[in-house]
């Protein structure tokens, strides 16, 4: 299951975009032989949002493109 959260307003999160993300997630799970029920969360945020998360979680006070956590 893919759960989405949108904290930005720069672009619309379309159904086509979420469908493509789910296809990528499903393929990655398949390639890595993860058959159990899995939950993936995707957060769309802006630069200040990602900077805040990066600072809180990694003690790095700057923007980044992607953060991932187990």
Protein backbone atom coordinates (compact mmCIF):
# COMPACT_ATOMS: atom_id res chain seq x y z
CA UNK A 1 0.00 0.00 0.00
CA UNK A 2 1.27 3.47 -0.89
CA UNK A 3 0.16 6.36 1.31
CA UNK A 4 0.54 9.92 0.01
CA UNK A 5 0.81 13.22 1.86
CA UNK A 6 1.04 16.54 0.07
CA UNK A 7 2.53 19.53 1.93
CA UNK A 8 3.33 21.64 -1.13
CA UNK A 9 1.39 23.73 -3.62
CA UNK A 10 3.84 24.14 -6.51
CA UNK A 11 2.39 21.35 -8.64
CA UNK A 12 -0.67 19.13 -8.74
CA UNK A 13 -0.30 15.50 -7.72
CA UNK A 14 -2.19 13.81 -10.55
CA UNK A 15 -3.69 10.34 -10.65
CA UNK A 16 -1.22 9.49 -13.41
CA UNK A 17 1.69 10.48 -11.15
CA UNK A 18 0.46 8.36 -8.22
CA UNK A 19 -0.15 5.44 -10.58
CA UNK A 20 3.43 5.66 -11.88
CA UNK A 21 4.80 5.84 -8.33
CA UNK A 22 2.81 2.75 -7.34
CA UNK A 23 4.08 0.87 -10.40
CA UNK A 24 7.67 1.72 -9.42
CA UNK A 25 7.09 0.73 -5.80
CA UNK A 26 5.49 -2.58 -6.80
CA UNK A 27 8.36 -3.36 -9.17
CA UNK A 28 10.95 -2.57 -6.47
CA UNK A 29 9.14 -4.84 -4.00
CA UNK A 30 9.02 -7.59 -6.62
CA UNK A 31 12.72 -7.26 -7.51
CA UNK A 32 13.67 -7.44 -3.83
CA UNK A 33 11.30 -10.39 -3.21
CA UNK A 34 9.26 -8.56 -0.59
CA UNK A 35 5.98 -10.42 -0.61
CA UNK A 36 4.67 -9.52 2.84
CA UNK A 37 2.18 -6.70 3.33
CA UNK A 38 4.22 -3.51 3.01
CA UNK A 39 3.37 0.12 3.58
CA UNK A 40 5.20 2.88 1.69
CA UNK A 41 4.65 6.54 2.52
CA UNK A 42 5.38 9.26 -0.03
CA UNK A 43 5.53 12.89 1.09
CA UNK A 44 5.49 15.75 -1.37
CA UNK A 45 6.94 18.83 0.31
CA UNK A 46 8.81 22.02 -0.48
CA UNK A 47 12.40 23.03 0.26
CA UNK A 48 11.67 24.33 3.75
CA UNK A 49 9.72 21.16 4.60
CA UNK A 50 12.49 18.81 3.47
CA UNK A 51 15.09 20.96 5.23
CA UNK A 52 13.12 20.66 8.49
CA UNK A 53 12.80 16.87 8.18
CA UNK A 54 16.48 16.50 7.26
CA UNK A 55 17.45 18.60 10.28
CA UNK A 56 15.20 16.66 12.68
CA UNK A 57 16.04 13.17 11.44
CA UNK A 58 19.68 13.49 10.35
CA UNK A 59 20.95 16.63 12.11
CA UNK A 60 21.81 18.10 8.70
CA UNK A 61 20.38 21.60 8.40
CA UNK A 62 20.04 21.81 4.62
CA UNK A 63 17.75 20.79 1.80
CA UNK A 64 18.03 17.46 0.04
CA UNK A 65 16.25 15.78 -2.88
CA UNK A 66 15.21 12.49 -1.25
CA UNK A 67 15.02 11.07 2.25
CA UNK A 68 14.21 7.42 2.92
CA UNK A 69 13.75 5.55 6.16
CA UNK A 70 13.21 1.85 6.92
